[in-house]
């Protein structure tokens, strides 16, 4: 999967991801699909989704501490398109999160 293909898929599924975060549904199929797409880009990457205090959705791109995933993560997160009410974050940041699917 290319960088462009991943971001296109992400853009096409924003609404479904937002619904998952808001409803805290037990149906994680869209999160599983996001995880699959991200690992197709690089096997070391994992997504985390949440909201911040301003109720913006957040996609956290992480390699869960695995240094082998850092170059791919840096490349994927380089100059992402801006998505309405979404923030793209590299690596998990300190502080509380409202929701992360498990």
N, C-alpha and C. Protein backbone atom coordinates (compact mmCIF):
# COMPACT_ATOMS: atom_id res chain seq x y z
N UNK A 1 0.85 -1.18 0.00
CA UNK A 1 0.00 0.00 0.00
C UNK A 1 0.89 1.23 0.00
N UNK A 2 0.54 2.19 -0.81
CA UNK A 2 1.31 3.43 -0.87
C UNK A 2 0.77 4.43 0.15
N UNK A 3 1.55 5.47 0.37
CA UNK A 3 1.13 6.55 1.25
C UNK A 3 -0.17 7.17 0.76
N UNK A 4 -0.24 7.42 -0.53
CA UNK A 4 -1.44 8.04 -1.10
C UNK A 4 -2.65 7.13 -0.96
N UNK A 5 -2.46 5.83 -1.16
CA UNK A 5 -3.58 4.89 -1.02
C UNK A 5 -4.08 4.85 0.42
N UNK A 6 -3.16 4.88 1.39
CA UNK A 6 -3.60 4.87 2.79
C UNK A 6 -4.44 6.11 3.10
N UNK A 7 -3.94 7.29 2.72
CA UNK A 7 -4.67 8.52 3.06
C UNK A 7 -5.99 8.62 2.31
N UNK A 8 -6.06 8.09 1.11
CA UNK A 8 -7.33 8.06 0.38
C UNK A 8 -8.32 7.17 1.12
N UNK A 9 -7.87 5.99 1.55
CA UNK A 9 -8.75 5.09 2.30
C UNK A 9 -9.21 5.79 3.59
N UNK A 10 -8.28 6.42 4.29
CA UNK A 10 -8.63 7.12 5.53
C UNK A 10 -9.70 8.17 5.28
N UNK A 11 -9.52 8.97 4.25
CA UNK A 11 -10.49 10.01 3.92
C UNK A 11 -11.86 9.44 3.59
N UNK A 12 -11.88 8.32 2.89
CA UNK A 12 -13.16 7.70 2.51
C UNK A 12 -13.89 7.10 3.70
N UNK A 13 -13.20 6.86 4.81
CA UNK A 13 -13.80 6.20 5.97
C UNK A 13 -13.84 7.07 7.22
N UNK A 14 -13.64 8.36 7.07
CA UNK A 14 -13.67 9.27 8.22
C UNK A 14 -14.97 9.19 9.00
N UNK A 15 -16.07 9.19 8.30
CA UNK A 15 -17.38 9.17 8.97
C UNK A 15 -17.54 7.91 9.81
N UNK A 16 -17.15 6.76 9.28
CA UNK A 16 -17.26 5.51 10.04
C UNK A 16 -16.36 5.53 11.27
N UNK A 17 -15.17 6.08 11.14
CA UNK A 17 -14.26 6.18 12.29
C UNK A 17 -14.83 7.12 13.34
N UNK A 18 -15.41 8.22 12.91
CA UNK A 18 -16.03 9.17 13.85
C UNK A 18 -17.18 8.51 14.59
N UNK A 19 -17.99 7.75 13.88
CA UNK A 19 -19.11 7.04 14.53
C UNK A 19 -18.60 6.08 15.58
N UNK A 20 -17.52 5.38 15.29
CA UNK A 20 -16.96 4.45 16.27
C UNK A 20 -16.52 5.19 17.53
N UNK A 21 -15.84 6.30 17.36
CA UNK A 21 -15.34 7.06 18.52
C UNK A 21 -16.50 7.61 19.33
N UNK A 22 -17.48 8.20 18.68
CA UNK A 22 -18.60 8.82 19.39
C UNK A 22 -19.46 7.78 20.11
N UNK A 23 -19.76 6.68 19.43
CA UNK A 23 -20.68 5.70 20.00
C UNK A 23 -19.99 4.73 20.95
N UNK A 24 -18.67 4.64 20.86
CA UNK A 24 -17.92 3.63 21.59
C UNK A 24 -18.55 2.26 21.38
N UNK A 25 -18.85 1.99 20.12
CA UNK A 25 -19.47 0.74 19.70
C UNK A 25 -18.59 -0.45 20.04
N UNK A 26 -19.21 -1.61 20.16
CA UNK A 26 -18.44 -2.84 20.34
C UNK A 26 -18.08 -3.47 18.99
N UNK A 27 -18.57 -2.87 17.92
CA UNK A 27 -18.23 -3.33 16.57
C UNK A 27 -16.99 -2.57 16.10
N UNK A 28 -15.86 -3.23 16.17
CA UNK A 28 -14.59 -2.60 15.82
C UNK A 28 -14.15 -2.90 14.40
N UNK A 29 -15.06 -3.28 13.54
CA UNK A 29 -14.67 -3.67 12.18
C UNK A 29 -13.99 -2.53 11.42
N UNK A 30 -14.41 -1.29 11.62
CA UNK A 30 -13.76 -0.18 10.92
C UNK A 30 -12.37 0.06 11.50
N UNK A 31 -12.21 -0.11 12.80
CA UNK A 31 -10.89 0.01 13.41
C UNK A 31 -9.98 -1.12 12.93
N UNK A 32 -10.52 -2.32 12.82
CA UNK A 32 -9.75 -3.44 12.30
C UNK A 32 -9.31 -3.18 10.87
N UNK A 33 -10.18 -2.59 10.07
CA UNK A 33 -9.84 -2.25 8.69
C UNK A 33 -8.76 -1.18 8.65
N UNK A 34 -8.85 -0.18 9.53
CA UNK A 34 -7.82 0.86 9.63
C UNK A 34 -6.48 0.22 10.00
N UNK A 35 -6.49 -0.67 10.96
CA UNK A 35 -5.27 -1.36 11.37
C UNK A 35 -4.68 -2.16 10.21
N UNK A 36 -5.54 -2.86 9.49
CA UNK A 36 -5.08 -3.65 8.35
C UNK A 36 -4.44 -2.77 7.28
N UNK A 37 -5.09 -1.65 6.96
CA UNK A 37 -4.54 -0.74 5.95
C UNK A 37 -3.20 -0.17 6.39
N UNK A 38 -3.10 0.17 7.66
CA UNK A 38 -1.85 0.72 8.16
C UNK A 38 -0.74 -0.32 8.15
N UNK A 39 -1.05 -1.55 8.52
CA UNK A 39 -0.02 -2.59 8.49
C UNK A 39 0.31 -3.02 7.06
N UNK A 40 -0.58 -2.79 6.13
CA UNK A 40 -0.23 -3.02 4.73
C UNK A 40 0.80 -2.00 4.27
N UNK A 41 0.76 -0.81 4.85
CA UNK A 41 1.75 0.20 4.54
C UNK A 41 3.09 -0.18 5.17
N UNK A 42 3.06 -0.57 6.45
CA UNK A 42 4.25 -1.06 7.14
C UNK A 42 3.81 -1.93 8.31
N UNK A 43 4.40 -3.11 8.40
CA UNK A 43 3.96 -4.09 9.40
C UNK A 43 4.18 -3.65 10.85
N UNK A 44 4.96 -2.62 11.09
CA UNK A 44 5.24 -2.18 12.45
C UNK A 44 4.29 -1.09 12.96
N UNK A 45 3.45 -0.57 12.09
CA UNK A 45 2.61 0.57 12.47
C UNK A 45 1.26 0.13 13.04
N UNK A 46 0.80 0.90 13.99
CA UNK A 46 -0.53 0.69 14.58
C UNK A 46 -1.25 2.02 14.71
N UNK A 47 -2.58 2.02 14.57
CA UNK A 47 -3.34 3.25 14.77
C UNK A 47 -3.95 3.29 16.16
N UNK A 48 -4.14 4.48 16.64
CA UNK A 48 -4.94 4.71 17.83
C UNK A 48 -5.85 5.88 17.48
N UNK A 49 -7.09 5.82 17.89
CA UNK A 49 -8.03 6.90 17.61
C UNK A 49 -8.65 7.36 18.92
N UNK A 50 -8.90 8.66 18.98
CA UNK A 50 -9.42 9.24 20.21
C UNK A 50 -10.01 10.62 19.89
N UNK A 51 -10.33 11.36 20.93
CA UNK A 51 -10.76 12.76 20.80
C UNK A 51 -9.98 13.57 21.82
N UNK A 52 -9.86 14.88 21.55
CA UNK A 52 -9.21 15.74 22.51
C UNK A 52 -10.25 16.60 23.24
N UNK A 53 -9.78 17.50 24.08
CA UNK A 53 -10.67 18.32 24.88
C UNK A 53 -11.54 19.24 24.04
N UNK A 54 -11.08 19.58 22.83
CA UNK A 54 -11.85 20.43 21.92
C UNK A 54 -12.78 19.60 21.03
N UNK A 55 -12.93 18.33 21.35
CA UNK A 55 -13.78 17.39 20.63
C UNK A 55 -13.35 17.22 19.17
N UNK A 56 -12.05 17.35 18.91
CA UNK A 56 -11.50 17.00 17.60
C UNK A 56 -11.13 15.53 17.63
N UNK A 57 -11.33 14.87 16.52
CA UNK A 57 -10.92 13.49 16.40
C UNK A 57 -9.42 13.45 16.18
N UNK A 58 -8.79 12.42 16.70
CA UNK A 58 -7.34 12.30 16.58
C UNK A 58 -6.99 10.91 16.07
N UNK A 59 -6.16 10.87 15.05
CA UNK A 59 -5.55 9.64 14.60
C UNK A 59 -4.10 9.69 15.04
N UNK A 60 -3.73 8.76 15.90
CA UNK A 60 -2.35 8.67 16.36
C UNK A 60 -1.69 7.54 15.57
N UNK A 61 -0.63 7.91 14.87
CA UNK A 61 0.16 6.92 14.15
C UNK A 61 1.30 6.51 15.07
N UNK A 62 1.39 5.23 15.35
CA UNK A 62 2.37 4.74 16.31
C UNK A 62 3.08 3.51 15.75
N UNK A 63 4.27 3.29 16.25
CA UNK A 63 4.96 2.02 15.95
C UNK A 63 5.18 1.28 17.26
N UNK A 64 4.45 1.70 18.29
CA UNK A 64 4.43 1.06 19.59
C UNK A 64 5.84 0.84 20.15
N UNK A 65 6.70 1.83 19.93
CA UNK A 65 8.06 1.76 20.46
C UNK A 65 9.03 0.96 19.62
N UNK A 66 8.57 0.38 18.52
CA UNK A 66 9.44 -0.42 17.66
C UNK A 66 10.20 0.50 16.71
N UNK A 67 11.48 0.61 16.90
CA UNK A 67 12.31 1.52 16.09
C UNK A 67 12.28 1.18 14.60
N UNK A 68 12.05 -0.06 14.27
CA UNK A 68 12.01 -0.45 12.86
C UNK A 68 10.86 0.23 12.11
N UNK A 69 9.83 0.62 12.82
CA UNK A 69 8.69 1.28 12.19
C UNK A 69 8.82 2.79 12.07
N UNK A 70 9.83 3.35 12.71
CA UNK A 70 9.95 4.82 12.74
C UNK A 70 10.13 5.46 11.36
N UNK A 71 10.97 4.93 10.47
CA UNK A 71 11.09 5.58 9.15
C UNK A 71 9.77 5.60 8.38
N UNK A 72 9.03 4.49 8.42
CA UNK A 72 7.75 4.43 7.71
C UNK A 72 6.74 5.38 8.35
N UNK A 73 6.73 5.43 9.67
CA UNK A 73 5.81 6.34 10.37
C UNK A 73 6.13 7.78 10.03
N UNK A 74 7.39 8.14 10.05
CA UNK A 74 7.79 9.52 9.72
C UNK A 74 7.36 9.86 8.29
N UNK A 75 7.57 8.94 7.36
CA UNK A 75 7.20 9.17 5.97
C UNK A 75 5.69 9.33 5.82
N UNK A 76 4.93 8.43 6.44
CA UNK A 76 3.47 8.48 6.32
C UNK A 76 2.91 9.76 6.92
N UNK A 77 3.48 10.21 8.03
CA UNK A 77 2.96 11.38 8.73
C UNK A 77 3.50 12.70 8.19
N UNK A 78 4.36 12.63 7.20
CA UNK A 78 4.94 13.84 6.62
C UNK A 78 3.91 14.58 5.78
N UNK A 79 3.61 15.81 6.16
CA UNK A 79 2.69 16.69 5.43
C UNK A 79 1.34 16.04 5.09
N UNK A 80 0.63 15.52 6.09
CA UNK A 80 -0.67 14.93 5.75
C UNK A 80 -1.67 16.02 5.35
N UNK A 81 -2.63 15.64 4.57
CA UNK A 81 -3.72 16.53 4.20
C UNK A 81 -4.47 16.91 5.48
N UNK A 82 -5.06 18.08 5.50
CA UNK A 82 -5.87 18.47 6.64
C UNK A 82 -7.29 17.95 6.43
N UNK A 83 -7.82 17.33 7.47
CA UNK A 83 -9.18 16.80 7.44
C UNK A 83 -10.00 17.56 8.47
N UNK A 84 -11.20 17.98 8.08
CA UNK A 84 -12.07 18.76 8.97
C UNK A 84 -12.26 18.03 10.30
N UNK A 85 -11.98 18.75 11.37
CA UNK A 85 -12.18 18.26 12.74
C UNK A 85 -11.32 17.04 13.08
N UNK A 86 -10.23 16.82 12.35
CA UNK A 86 -9.30 15.73 12.63
C UNK A 86 -7.90 16.28 12.83
N UNK A 87 -7.17 15.63 13.69
CA UNK A 87 -5.76 15.96 13.94
C UNK A 87 -4.96 14.66 13.76
N UNK A 88 -3.88 14.73 13.00
CA UNK A 88 -3.01 13.59 12.80
C UNK A 88 -1.78 13.78 13.68
N UNK A 89 -1.49 12.80 14.52
CA UNK A 89 -0.41 12.91 15.49
C UNK A 89 0.56 11.76 15.28
N UNK A 90 1.86 12.10 15.30
CA UNK A 90 2.89 11.06 15.27
C UNK A 90 3.20 10.65 16.69
N UNK A 91 3.16 9.38 16.94
CA UNK A 91 3.51 8.81 18.24
C UNK A 91 2.51 9.22 19.33
N UNK A 92 2.30 8.32 20.25
CA UNK A 92 1.39 8.58 21.36
C UNK A 92 1.98 9.68 22.24
N UNK A 93 1.16 10.67 22.57
CA UNK A 93 1.60 11.81 23.37
C UNK A 93 1.17 11.62 24.82
N UNK A 94 1.89 12.24 25.75
CA UNK A 94 1.47 12.14 27.15
C UNK A 94 0.13 12.82 27.36
N UNK A 95 -0.60 12.33 28.31
CA UNK A 95 -1.88 12.94 28.66
C UNK A 95 -3.01 11.96 28.47
N UNK A 96 -4.17 12.28 29.04
CA UNK A 96 -5.32 11.37 28.97
C UNK A 96 -5.93 11.35 27.58
N UNK A 97 -6.51 10.21 27.25
CA UNK A 97 -7.25 10.05 25.99
C UNK A 97 -8.66 9.62 26.35
N UNK A 98 -9.59 10.07 25.55
CA UNK A 98 -10.99 9.74 25.81
C UNK A 98 -11.31 8.31 25.42
N UNK A 99 -10.80 7.85 24.28
CA UNK A 99 -11.20 6.54 23.77
C UNK A 99 -10.12 5.97 22.88
N UNK A 100 -9.76 4.75 23.13
CA UNK A 100 -8.86 4.02 22.23
C UNK A 100 -9.42 2.61 22.13
N UNK A 101 -9.79 2.18 20.92
CA UNK A 101 -10.27 0.80 20.79
C UNK A 101 -9.18 -0.20 21.14
N UNK A 102 -9.59 -1.31 21.72
CA UNK A 102 -8.65 -2.39 22.02
C UNK A 102 -9.11 -3.67 21.38
